[in-house]
Amino acid sequence: MSWASFASGEPLDRQTSCGLPGFRAALEARINAARAQPRMCGSRAMPAVPPLNWDPRLFNAAARHARDMATRNYFSHTGLDGRVLAQRVSAEGYAWTSVGENLAAGEPSVEGVLAGWLSSPGHCSNLMSRDFVEFGVSCVLQPSDRAVPYWALVLARP
């Protein structure tokens, strides 16, 4: 699939959701349920915050980065082309005032990836941040016999 095939608003497909059924709905429900409860992110107490809304431009930024990591076999917030999150989100036409990213690799389930992010102080703080009001998330399987899932979650505020 070429980069251009991630048109704005294009529905999730097996290639950008790791073939997981109900991918977007499951993540939206679980992320927003987590945000609805106060929690500790490491030693930092985080209050409950409003739910996030899905944004197709943030999904595009997440899907492109997850696909790049999966197909080029690396794991980093910086792409091999040198672009960072802010540049990737801006390239999708999203005029952001606040932006963040959670990555994961190897976790095969929605429940597992969210549990991992909530157990990591930095990832948890991103998920619980009042600074973010919209999100997009993608999971792409590495095109190999191992089929390692690469996850990218992009959070932002316009």
C-alpha atoms as a PDB file:
ATOM      1  CA  MET A   1       0.000   0.000   0.000  1.00  0.00           C
ATOM      2  CA  SER A   2       1.416   3.381  -0.944  1.00  0.00           C
ATOM      3  CA  TRP A   3       1.471   6.390   1.370  1.00  0.00           C
ATOM      4  CA  ALA A   4      -1.166   8.102  -0.790  1.00  0.00           C
ATOM      5  CA  SER A   5      -3.692   5.365  -0.055  1.00  0.00           C
ATOM      6  CA  PHE A   6      -4.347   6.715   3.457  1.00  0.00           C
ATOM      7  CA  ALA A   7      -6.970   9.207   2.307  1.00  0.00           C
ATOM      8  CA  SER A   8      -8.575  11.395   4.955  1.00  0.00           C
ATOM      9  CA  GLY A   9     -11.476   9.572   6.482  1.00  0.00           C
ATOM     10  CA  GLU A  10     -10.575   6.251   4.867  1.00  0.00           C
ATOM     11  CA  PRO A  11     -11.889   3.492   7.104  1.00  0.00           C
ATOM     12  CA  LEU A  12      -9.524   1.286   8.999  1.00  0.00           C
ATOM     13  CA  ASP A  13      -8.632  -1.883   7.183  1.00  0.00           C
ATOM     14  CA  ARG A  14      -6.810  -5.087   8.092  1.00  0.00           C
ATOM     15  CA  GLN A  15      -3.459  -3.513   7.200  1.00  0.00           C
ATOM     16  CA  THR A  16      -3.809  -0.549   9.562  1.00  0.00           C
ATOM     17  CA  SER A  17      -5.567  -2.390  12.396  1.00  0.00           C
ATOM     18  CA  CYS A  18      -3.462  -5.588  12.561  1.00  0.00           C
ATOM     19  CA  GLY A  19      -6.619  -7.389  11.450  1.00  0.00           C
ATOM     20  CA  LEU A  20      -8.090  -6.985  14.956  1.00  0.00           C
ATOM     21  CA  PRO A  21     -11.902  -6.968  14.918  1.00  0.00           C
ATOM     22  CA  GLY A  22     -13.541  -3.810  16.256  1.00  0.00           C
ATOM     23  CA  PHE A  23     -10.119  -2.134  16.443  1.00  0.00           C
ATOM     24  CA  ARG A  24     -11.139   1.543  16.491  1.00  0.00           C
ATOM     25  CA  ALA A  25     -14.199   1.054  18.702  1.00  0.00           C
ATOM     26  CA  ALA A  26     -12.257  -1.092  21.167  1.00  0.00           C
ATOM     27  CA  LEU A  27      -9.410   1.406  21.458  1.00  0.00           C
ATOM     28  CA  GLU A  28     -11.714   4.403  21.671  1.00  0.00           C
ATOM     29  CA  ALA A  29     -13.765   2.754  24.422  1.00  0.00           C
ATOM     30  CA  ARG A  30     -10.759   1.539  26.427  1.00  0.00           C
ATOM     31  CA  ILE A  31      -8.751   4.754  26.124  1.00  0.00           C
ATOM     32  CA  ASN A  32     -11.735   6.881  27.139  1.00  0.00           C
ATOM     33  CA  ALA A  33     -12.615   4.511  30.019  1.00  0.00           C
ATOM     34  CA  ALA A  34      -9.027   4.876  31.254  1.00  0.00           C
ATOM     35  CA  ARG A  35      -9.220   8.683  30.969  1.00  0.00           C
ATOM     36  CA  ALA A  36     -12.504   8.705  32.925  1.00  0.00           C
ATOM     37  CA  GLN A  37     -10.760   7.424  36.072  1.00  0.00           C
ATOM     38  CA  PRO A  38      -8.105   9.236  38.106  1.00  0.00           C
ATOM     39  CA  ARG A  39      -4.893   7.206  38.184  1.00  0.00           C
ATOM     40  CA  MET A  40      -1.249   7.215  39.114  1.00  0.00           C
ATOM     41  CA  CYS A  41       1.179   7.528  36.219  1.00  0.00           C
ATOM     42  CA  GLY A  42       4.334   6.476  38.018  1.00  0.00           C
ATOM     43  CA  SER A  43       4.480   8.784  41.045  1.00  0.00           C
ATOM     44  CA  ARG A  44       2.289  11.443  39.375  1.00  0.00           C
ATOM     45  CA  ALA A  45      -1.397  11.623  40.307  1.00  0.00           C
ATOM     46  CA  MET A  46      -3.486  12.298  37.216  1.00  0.00           C
ATOM     47  CA  PRO A  47      -7.131  13.409  37.473  1.00  0.00           C
ATOM     48  CA  ALA A  48      -9.892  12.048  35.277  1.00  0.00           C
ATOM     49  CA  VAL A  49     -10.109  13.935  31.976  1.00  0.00           C
ATOM     50  CA  PRO A  50     -12.696  14.254  29.182  1.00  0.00           C
ATOM     51  CA  PRO A  51     -12.843  11.638  26.424  1.00  0.00           C
ATOM     52  CA  LEU A  52     -10.798  11.891  23.241  1.00  0.00           C
ATOM     53  CA  ASN A  53     -12.359  12.145  19.782  1.00  0.00           C
ATOM     54  CA  TRP A  54     -11.092  10.288  16.717  1.00  0.00           C
ATOM     55  CA  ASP A  55      -9.440  12.400  14.014  1.00  0.00           C
ATOM     56  CA  PRO A  56      -8.659  10.915  10.575  1.00  0.00           C
ATOM     57  CA  ARG A  57      -5.586  13.143  10.093  1.00  0.00           C
ATOM     58  CA  LEU A  58      -4.088  11.858  13.343  1.00  0.00           C
ATOM     59  CA  PHE A  59      -4.939   8.319  12.217  1.00  0.00           C
ATOM     60  CA  ASN A  60      -3.091   8.995   8.945  1.00  0.00           C
ATOM     61  CA  ALA A  61      -0.006  10.222  10.817  1.00  0.00           C
ATOM     62  CA  ALA A  62      -0.120   7.148  13.085  1.00  0.00           C
ATOM     63  CA  ALA A  63      -0.703   4.711  10.204  1.00  0.00           C
ATOM     64  CA  ARG A  64       2.125   6.106   8.091  1.00  0.00           C
ATOM     65  CA  HIS A  65       4.602   5.948  10.969  1.00  0.00           C
ATOM     66  CA  ALA A  66       3.518   2.462  12.093  1.00  0.00           C
ATOM     67  CA  ARG A  67       3.809   1.207   8.511  1.00  0.00           C
ATOM     68  CA  ASP A  68       7.233   2.805   8.100  1.00  0.00           C
ATOM     69  CA  MET A  69       8.527   1.213  11.315  1.00  0.00           C
ATOM     70  CA  ALA A  70       7.062  -2.174  10.393  1.00  0.00           C
ATOM     71  CA  THR A  71       8.324  -2.276   6.816  1.00  0.00           C
ATOM     72  CA  ARG A  72      11.740  -0.768   7.560  1.00  0.00           C
ATOM     73  CA  ASN A  73      12.271  -2.700  10.824  1.00  0.00           C
ATOM     74  CA  TYR A  74      12.990   0.041  13.369  1.00  0.00           C
ATOM     75  CA  PHE A  75      11.328   1.467  16.478  1.00  0.00           C
ATOM     76  CA  SER A  76      11.653   5.188  17.167  1.00  0.00           C
ATOM     77  CA  HIS A  77       9.710   8.423  17.526  1.00  0.00           C
ATOM     78  CA  THR A  78      11.967   9.774  14.770  1.00  0.00           C
ATOM     79  CA  GLY A  79      11.441   8.329  11.288  1.00  0.00           C
ATOM     80  CA  LEU A  80      14.379   7.103   9.255  1.00  0.00           C
ATOM     81  CA  ASP A  81      13.778  10.164   7.054  1.00  0.00           C
ATOM     82  CA  GLY A  82      14.537  12.346  10.112  1.00  0.00           C
ATOM     83  CA  ARG A  83      10.958  13.578  10.550  1.00  0.00           C
ATOM     84  CA  VAL A  84       9.572  13.841  14.074  1.00  0.00           C
ATOM     85  CA  LEU A  85       5.970  13.626  15.256  1.00  0.00           C
ATOM     86  CA  ALA A  86       5.204  17.340  14.909  1.00  0.00           C
ATOM     87  CA  GLN A  87       6.316  17.266  11.264  1.00  0.00           C
ATOM     88  CA  ARG A  88       4.313  14.098  10.505  1.00  0.00           C
ATOM     89  CA  VAL A  89       1.134  15.559  12.031  1.00  0.00           C
ATOM     90  CA  SER A  90       1.568  18.926  10.298  1.00  0.00           C
ATOM     91  CA  ALA A  91       2.088  17.106   6.974  1.00  0.00           C
ATOM     92  CA  GLU A  92      -1.414  15.651   7.387  1.00  0.00           C
ATOM     93  CA  GLY A  93      -2.877  19.167   7.528  1.00  0.00           C
ATOM     94  CA  TYR A  94      -3.541  19.139  11.281  1.00  0.00           C
ATOM     95  CA  ALA A  95      -2.827  22.557  12.834  1.00  0.00           C
ATOM     96  CA  TRP A  96      -1.912  21.459  16.354  1.00  0.00           C
ATOM     97  CA  THR A  97      -1.139  23.376  19.538  1.00  0.00           C
ATOM     98  CA  SER A  98      -0.226  20.262  21.525  1.00  0.00           C
ATOM     99  CA  VAL A  99       0.871  16.869  20.203  1.00  0.00           C
ATOM    100  CA  GLY A 100       2.108  13.588  21.686  1.00  0.00           C
ATOM    101  CA  GLU A 101       2.800  10.021  20.638  1.00  0.00           C
ATOM    102  CA  ASN A 102       2.817   6.572  22.211  1.00  0.00           C
ATOM    103  CA  LEU A 103       4.516   3.697  20.395  1.00  0.00           C
ATOM    104  CA  ALA A 104       4.594  -0.032  21.067  1.00  0.00           C
ATOM    105  CA  ALA A 105       5.834  -3.129  19.283  1.00  0.00           C
ATOM    106  CA  GLY A 106       5.210  -6.808  19.787  1.00  0.00           C
ATOM    107  CA  GLU A 107       1.904  -6.592  21.649  1.00  0.00           C
ATOM    108  CA  PRO A 108      -0.797  -8.530  19.753  1.00  0.00           C
ATOM    109  CA  SER A 109      -3.941  -7.182  21.486  1.00  0.00           C
ATOM    110  CA  VAL A 110      -5.744  -3.918  22.182  1.00  0.00           C
ATOM    111  CA  GLU A 111      -5.981  -4.826  25.880  1.00  0.00           C
ATOM    112  CA  GLY A 112      -2.271  -5.604  26.078  1.00  0.00           C
ATOM    113  CA  VAL A 113      -1.051  -2.476  24.338  1.00  0.00           C
ATOM    114  CA  LEU A 114      -3.251  -0.246  26.484  1.00  0.00           C
ATOM    115  CA  ALA A 115      -2.133  -2.039  29.670  1.00  0.00           C
ATOM    116  CA  GLY A 116       1.489  -1.505  28.636  1.00  0.00           C
ATOM    117  CA  TRP A 117       0.949   2.189  27.978  1.00  0.00           C
ATOM    118  CA  LEU A 118      -0.874   2.669  31.293  1.00  0.00           C
ATOM    119  CA  SER A 119       1.932   0.928  33.212  1.00  0.00           C
ATOM    120  CA  SER A 120       4.585   3.236  31.695  1.00  0.00           C
ATOM    121  CA  PRO A 121       4.680   6.641  33.448  1.00  0.00           C
ATOM    122  CA  GLY A 122       5.358   8.660  30.283  1.00  0.00           C
ATOM    123  CA  HIS A 123       2.848   6.835  28.098  1.00  0.00           C
ATOM    124  CA  CYS A 124       0.258   6.953  30.889  1.00  0.00           C
ATOM    125  CA  SER A 125       0.783  10.713  31.292  1.00  0.00           C
ATOM    126  CA  ASN A 126       0.183  11.166  27.556  1.00  0.00           C
ATOM    127  CA  LEU A 127      -3.046   9.158  27.739  1.00  0.00           C
ATOM    128  CA  MET A 128      -4.231  11.112  30.785  1.00  0.00           C
ATOM    129  CA  SER A 129      -3.186  14.565  29.591  1.00  0.00           C
ATOM    130  CA  ARG A 130      -5.825  17.290  29.518  1.00  0.00           C
ATOM    131  CA  ASP A 131      -3.704  18.851  26.745  1.00  0.00           C
ATOM    132  CA  PHE A 132      -5.014  16.292  24.247  1.00  0.00           C
ATOM    133  CA  VAL A 133      -8.585  16.195  22.881  1.00  0.00           C
ATOM    134  CA  GLU A 134      -8.235  14.125  19.679  1.00  0.00           C
ATOM    135  CA  PHE A 135      -6.413  10.981  18.666  1.00  0.00           C
ATOM    136  CA  GLY A 136      -5.702   8.453  15.953  1.00  0.00           C
ATOM    137  CA  VAL A 137      -4.119   5.029  16.376  1.00  0.00           C
ATOM    138  CA  SER A 138      -2.882   2.358  14.017  1.00  0.00           C
ATOM    139  CA  CYS A 139      -1.381  -1.105  14.263  1.00  0.00           C
ATOM    140  CA  VAL A 140       0.606  -2.536  11.347  1.00  0.00           C
ATOM    141  CA  LEU A 141       2.059  -6.030  11.156  1.00  0.00           C
ATOM    142  CA  GLN A 142       5.656  -6.345  10.065  1.00  0.00           C
ATOM    143  CA  PRO A 143       5.634  -7.975   6.615  1.00  0.00           C
ATOM    144  CA  SER A 144       7.683 -11.018   7.572  1.00  0.00           C
ATOM    145  CA  ASP A 145       7.282 -14.482   9.010  1.00  0.00           C
ATOM    146  CA  ARG A 146       7.398 -12.936  12.499  1.00  0.00           C
ATOM    147  CA  ALA A 147       4.528 -10.481  11.794  1.00  0.00           C
ATOM    148  CA  VAL A 148       5.443  -8.229  14.734  1.00  0.00           C
ATOM    149  CA  PRO A 149       2.713  -5.633  15.439  1.00  0.00           C
ATOM    150  CA  TYR A 150       3.868  -1.996  15.437  1.00  0.00           C
ATOM    151  CA  TRP A 151       1.526   0.452  17.184  1.00  0.00           C
ATOM    152  CA  ALA A 152       1.425   4.248  16.901  1.00  0.00           C
ATOM    153  CA  LEU A 153      -0.984   6.414  18.882  1.00  0.00           C
ATOM    154  CA  VAL A 154      -1.045  10.141  18.080  1.00  0.00           C
ATOM    155  CA  LEU A 155      -2.746  12.533  20.514  1.00  0.00           C
ATOM    156  CA  ALA A 156      -3.275  16.224  19.831  1.00  0.00           C
ATOM    157  CA  ARG A 157      -5.172  19.428  20.378  1.00  0.00           C
ATOM    158  CA  PRO A 158      -5.888  21.813  17.478  1.00  0.00           C
END
